[in-house]
Amino acid sequence: MAEEPRSVPETFAFACGDCGHTWEAGFELMFFTDPLDASGLTTQEYVDEAGKAIRSPLADAVCPRCGGRTVHVGQAGPAEPGPAARHTHRPRPPHRSPERSE
């Protein structure tokens, strides 16, 4: 009879570098050992809150607000706003056409 896989809950804080959105997400890190593999190697897989197997959230994070892929991952807790949120917008001066001399 196969042994049940071990799991470890993990929560990460994310900050989008494009739009500044911050969020947290929880995952289960599942550890599997193939009973037929004599070496006893263990593989791991992340499972999201909906129970779907996913790639590592550390390598494949996408911002749910803007779809940006410049996402910074940190420890769970209050996430720091991304660089885009800290940037202060300064209006550009109006464009001036070069004056022609004739």
Protein backbone atom coordinates (compact mmCIF):
# COMPACT_ATOMS: atom_id res chain seq x y z
CA MET A 1 0.00 0.00 0.00
CA ALA A 2 1.37 3.43 -0.99
CA GLU A 3 2.30 5.86 1.73
CA GLU A 4 0.41 9.18 1.81
CA PRO A 5 2.58 12.07 0.60
CA ARG A 6 3.90 14.46 3.23
CA SER A 7 3.02 18.11 2.85
CA VAL A 8 4.20 21.43 4.24
CA PRO A 9 2.03 24.56 4.11
CA GLU A 10 3.79 27.65 2.73
CA THR A 11 2.59 31.22 2.32
CA PHE A 12 4.41 33.80 0.22
CA ALA A 13 4.04 37.56 -0.17
CA PHE A 14 4.19 38.91 -3.72
CA ALA A 15 4.78 42.43 -5.05
CA CYS A 16 4.36 43.34 -8.71
CA GLY A 17 7.22 45.40 -10.10
CA ASP A 18 5.00 46.67 -12.93
CA CYS A 19 1.85 47.99 -11.18
CA GLY A 20 2.83 47.85 -7.47
CA HIS A 21 0.04 45.43 -6.48
CA THR A 22 0.80 43.27 -3.40
CA TRP A 23 -0.84 40.02 -2.35
CA GLU A 24 -0.30 36.80 -0.42
CA ALA A 25 -1.00 33.24 -1.50
CA GLY A 26 -0.84 29.91 0.30
CA PHE A 27 0.40 26.63 -1.13
CA GLU A 28 1.01 23.07 -0.02
CA LEU A 29 4.42 21.70 -0.85
CA MET A 30 3.85 17.96 -1.41
CA PHE A 31 6.68 15.40 -1.14
CA PHE A 32 6.35 12.12 -3.02
CA THR A 33 8.54 9.03 -2.86
CA ASP A 34 8.16 6.38 -5.55
CA PRO A 35 7.84 3.04 -3.70
CA LEU A 36 9.28 1.24 -6.75
CA ASP A 37 12.40 3.44 -6.88
CA ALA A 38 15.18 1.67 -4.98
CA SER A 39 17.14 4.93 -4.55
CA GLY A 40 14.36 6.45 -2.40
CA LEU A 41 14.53 9.83 -4.13
CA THR A 42 11.78 12.27 -3.20
CA THR A 43 10.10 14.63 -5.65
CA GLN A 44 8.15 17.72 -4.71
CA GLU A 45 5.20 19.55 -6.17
CA TYR A 46 3.38 22.77 -5.28
CA VAL A 47 -0.40 22.64 -4.96
CA ASP A 48 -2.42 25.89 -4.91
CA GLU A 49 -5.36 26.71 -2.62
CA ALA A 50 -7.77 25.17 -5.17
CA GLY A 51 -5.88 21.85 -5.08
CA LYS A 52 -4.33 22.27 -8.53
CA ALA A 53 -0.70 21.21 -9.10
CA ILE A 54 1.34 24.20 -10.30
CA ARG A 55 4.90 25.18 -11.14
CA SER A 56 6.88 26.73 -8.32
CA PRO A 57 5.34 30.09 -7.37
CA LEU A 58 8.89 31.31 -6.81
CA ALA A 59 9.73 30.92 -10.49
CA ASP A 60 6.41 31.41 -12.25
CA ALA A 61 4.52 34.20 -10.43
CA VAL A 62 2.15 36.42 -12.44
CA CYS A 63 0.41 39.53 -11.10
CA PRO A 64 -3.36 38.91 -10.82
CA ARG A 65 -4.07 42.62 -11.41
CA CYS A 66 -2.01 43.49 -14.50
CA GLY A 67 -0.64 40.14 -15.70
CA GLY A 68 2.92 41.42 -15.21
CA ARG A 69 5.72 38.92 -14.78
CA THR A 70 8.10 41.23 -12.86
CA VAL A 71 7.00 39.82 -9.52
CA HIS A 72 9.08 39.90 -6.36
CA VAL A 73 8.50 37.09 -3.85
CA GLY A 74 9.11 37.40 -0.13
CA GLN A 75 8.15 35.99 3.23
CA ALA A 76 4.52 36.06 4.27
CA GLY A 77 3.40 39.17 6.09
CA PRO A 78 2.85 42.73 4.94
CA ALA A 79 4.37 42.95 1.48
CA GLU A 80 6.36 45.98 0.44
CA PRO A 81 4.83 47.83 -2.51
CA GLY A 82 6.55 47.19 -5.81
CA PRO A 83 8.82 49.82 -7.37
CA ALA A 84 6.02 51.08 -9.63
CA ALA A 85 3.94 52.04 -6.58
CA ARG A 86 6.82 54.01 -5.04
CA HIS A 87 7.56 55.96 -8.21
CA THR A 88 6.26 59.52 -8.08
CA HIS A 89 4.80 60.67 -11.34
CA ARG A 90 6.07 63.98 -12.65
CA PRO A 91 4.23 65.51 -15.59
CA ARG A 92 6.30 66.08 -18.69
CA PRO A 93 6.67 69.60 -20.02
CA PRO A 94 4.66 70.27 -23.17
CA HIS A 95 6.36 69.35 -26.42
CA ARG A 96 7.72 72.32 -28.34
CA SER A 97 8.26 72.16 -32.06
CA PRO A 98 11.61 73.46 -33.21
CA GLU A 99 11.20 76.88 -34.69
CA ARG A 100 12.07 77.15 -38.34
CA SER A 101 14.26 79.91 -39.61
CA GLU A 102 13.55 80.92 -43.20
